[in-house]
Amino acid sequence: MRLMGIDFGDARVGIALSDPLGIMAQGYETLDNDGTDSLFYKIQSIIKEKEVTTIVIGLPKNMDNSEGFRADATKEFAQKLKSFTDAKIEFCDERLTTVSAHGMLSEMNVRGKKRKGAVDTLSAALILETYMRKNGF
């Protein structure tokens, strides 16, 4: 049983995976979001190759717990992803994960182009880690 974490964005999509036992989350890859189905085929390929059973998508909420246009776009992404996989899709509150990821990358002195993709992958790992911790993995 492997889980996948996704940090969905207009330009990039961060992907994280759990280990096969579902104990640890780690960043896997950042995919470009070109607005075409190729993104979904790439994700589908990872799901099949890594035998993912559950996908956890970060749901962007406002600090007052309300949902805005980004949450709507994320739900549309999840709905489309459902047509590419039989894996279970769940949502996890992703408030402040990008801020945390930027802070961690700053501490590690990651700058420039390396930082651009790393922040999305790290955010996906933080989303997955949060989900796993809250659900007893």
Protein backbone atom coordinates (compact mmCIF):
# COMPACT_ATOMS: atom_id res chain seq x y z
CA MET A 1 0.00 0.00 0.00
CA ARG A 2 1.62 3.21 -1.15
CA LEU A 3 0.18 6.69 -0.83
CA MET A 4 0.76 9.67 -3.14
CA GLY A 5 0.66 13.29 -2.08
CA ILE A 6 -0.10 16.01 -4.61
CA ASP A 7 0.44 19.75 -4.35
CA PHE A 8 -1.59 21.08 -7.30
CA GLY A 9 -0.65 24.40 -8.87
CA ASP A 10 -1.34 26.27 -12.08
CA ALA A 11 2.28 26.00 -13.25
CA ARG A 12 3.62 22.94 -11.43
CA VAL A 13 2.35 19.88 -9.57
CA GLY A 14 4.42 18.47 -6.75
CA ILE A 15 4.36 14.72 -6.21
CA ALA A 16 5.33 12.84 -3.05
CA LEU A 17 5.15 9.15 -2.24
CA SER A 18 5.08 7.10 0.90
CA ASP A 19 7.38 4.14 1.31
CA PRO A 20 5.72 0.78 0.47
CA LEU A 21 4.76 0.24 4.12
CA GLY A 22 3.07 3.63 4.39
CA ILE A 23 5.37 4.85 7.17
CA MET A 24 7.30 7.79 5.68
CA ALA A 25 6.56 10.45 3.07
CA GLN A 26 9.21 11.76 0.71
CA GLY A 27 9.25 14.10 -2.25
CA TYR A 28 9.26 12.32 -5.58
CA GLU A 29 8.96 14.72 -8.53
CA THR A 30 7.64 18.04 -9.76
CA LEU A 31 5.64 17.95 -12.99
CA ASP A 32 4.93 20.89 -15.26
CA ASN A 33 1.24 21.69 -15.54
CA ASP A 34 0.82 22.55 -19.19
CA GLY A 35 -2.97 22.44 -19.01
CA THR A 36 -3.24 19.29 -21.12
CA ASP A 37 -4.02 15.66 -20.40
CA SER A 38 -0.31 14.85 -20.51
CA LEU A 39 -0.11 15.83 -16.83
CA PHE A 40 -2.77 13.26 -15.96
CA TYR A 41 -1.06 10.56 -18.04
CA LYS A 42 2.22 11.23 -16.21
CA ILE A 43 0.48 10.98 -12.84
CA GLN A 44 -1.33 7.84 -14.00
CA SER A 45 2.01 6.29 -14.97
CA ILE A 46 3.47 6.98 -11.51
CA ILE A 47 0.35 5.55 -9.85
CA LYS A 48 0.66 2.31 -11.82
CA GLU A 49 4.44 2.00 -11.52
CA LYS A 50 4.49 2.65 -7.77
CA GLU A 51 1.22 0.78 -7.06
CA VAL A 52 -0.44 3.76 -5.36
CA THR A 53 -3.71 2.93 -3.60
CA THR A 54 -4.57 6.35 -2.14
CA ILE A 55 -3.94 9.84 -3.49
CA VAL A 56 -3.93 12.76 -1.05
CA ILE A 57 -4.41 16.16 -2.66
CA GLY A 58 -3.67 19.31 -0.72
CA LEU A 59 -6.80 21.44 -0.42
CA PRO A 60 -5.98 25.13 -0.17
CA LYS A 61 -8.14 26.78 2.44
CA ASN A 62 -8.22 30.33 3.69
CA MET A 63 -7.04 30.99 7.22
CA ASP A 64 -10.70 31.27 8.34
CA ASN A 65 -11.24 27.69 7.04
CA SER A 66 -13.31 28.85 4.07
CA GLU A 67 -12.63 27.66 0.54
CA GLY A 68 -11.91 30.01 -2.34
CA PHE A 69 -11.25 29.78 -6.05
CA ARG A 70 -8.01 27.78 -5.54
CA ALA A 71 -9.96 25.10 -3.66
CA ASP A 72 -12.46 24.99 -6.53
CA ALA A 73 -9.63 24.56 -9.08
CA THR A 74 -8.11 21.80 -6.94
CA LYS A 75 -11.43 19.96 -6.74
CA GLU A 76 -11.81 20.20 -10.52
CA PHE A 77 -8.30 18.74 -10.88
CA ALA A 78 -9.24 15.88 -8.51
CA GLN A 79 -12.44 15.18 -10.43
CA LYS A 80 -10.53 14.91 -13.69
CA LEU A 81 -7.83 12.76 -12.06
CA LYS A 82 -10.58 10.29 -11.02
CA SER A 83 -11.10 9.42 -14.67
CA PHE A 84 -7.44 8.37 -14.94
CA THR A 85 -7.22 6.08 -11.91
CA ASP A 86 -9.09 3.73 -9.60
CA ALA A 87 -7.03 4.88 -6.60
CA LYS A 88 -8.93 6.44 -3.73
CA ILE A 89 -8.67 10.25 -3.71
CA GLU A 90 -8.69 12.19 -0.43
CA PHE A 91 -8.11 15.83 0.46
CA CYS A 92 -5.91 17.25 3.20
CA ASP A 93 -5.83 20.83 4.43
CA GLU A 94 -2.65 22.34 3.01
CA ARG A 95 -2.65 25.68 4.78
CA LEU A 96 0.88 26.99 5.25
CA THR A 97 2.61 23.99 3.62
CA THR A 98 4.15 26.20 0.93
CA VAL A 99 5.29 28.68 3.59
CA SER A 100 6.83 25.80 5.57
CA ALA A 101 8.50 24.43 2.43
CA HIS A 102 10.01 27.83 1.62
CA GLY A 103 11.29 28.10 5.19
CA MET A 104 12.90 24.67 5.06
CA LEU A 105 14.54 25.41 1.71
CA SER A 106 15.86 28.72 3.04
CA GLU A 107 17.40 26.90 6.01
CA MET A 108 19.09 24.53 3.55
CA ASN A 109 20.22 27.50 1.45
CA VAL A 110 18.44 26.24 -1.70
CA ARG A 111 18.14 29.08 -4.21
CA GLY A 112 17.26 29.86 -7.81
CA LYS A 113 15.96 27.28 -10.26
CA LYS A 114 16.53 24.40 -7.82
CA ARG A 115 14.16 26.06 -5.38
CA LYS A 116 11.34 26.52 -7.90
CA GLY A 117 10.67 22.81 -8.37
CA ALA A 118 11.79 21.73 -4.93
CA VAL A 119 9.16 23.81 -3.15
CA ASP A 120 6.31 21.98 -4.89
CA THR A 121 7.77 18.53 -4.23
CA LEU A 122 8.47 19.41 -0.60
CA SER A 123 4.96 20.84 -0.20
CA ALA A 124 3.52 17.57 -1.54
CA ALA A 125 5.61 15.64 1.01
CA LEU A 126 4.35 17.89 3.83
CA ILE A 127 0.75 17.38 2.70
CA LEU A 128 1.22 13.61 2.63
CA GLU A 129 3.01 13.61 5.98
CA THR A 130 0.16 15.60 7.55
CA TYR A 131 -2.43 13.19 6.17
CA MET A 132 -0.47 10.14 7.35
CA ARG A 133 0.00 11.56 10.84
CA LYS A 134 -3.72 12.46 11.17
CA ASN A 135 -4.84 9.05 9.93
CA GLY A 136 -2.59 6.86 12.06
CA PHE A 137 -0.02 5.74 9.52
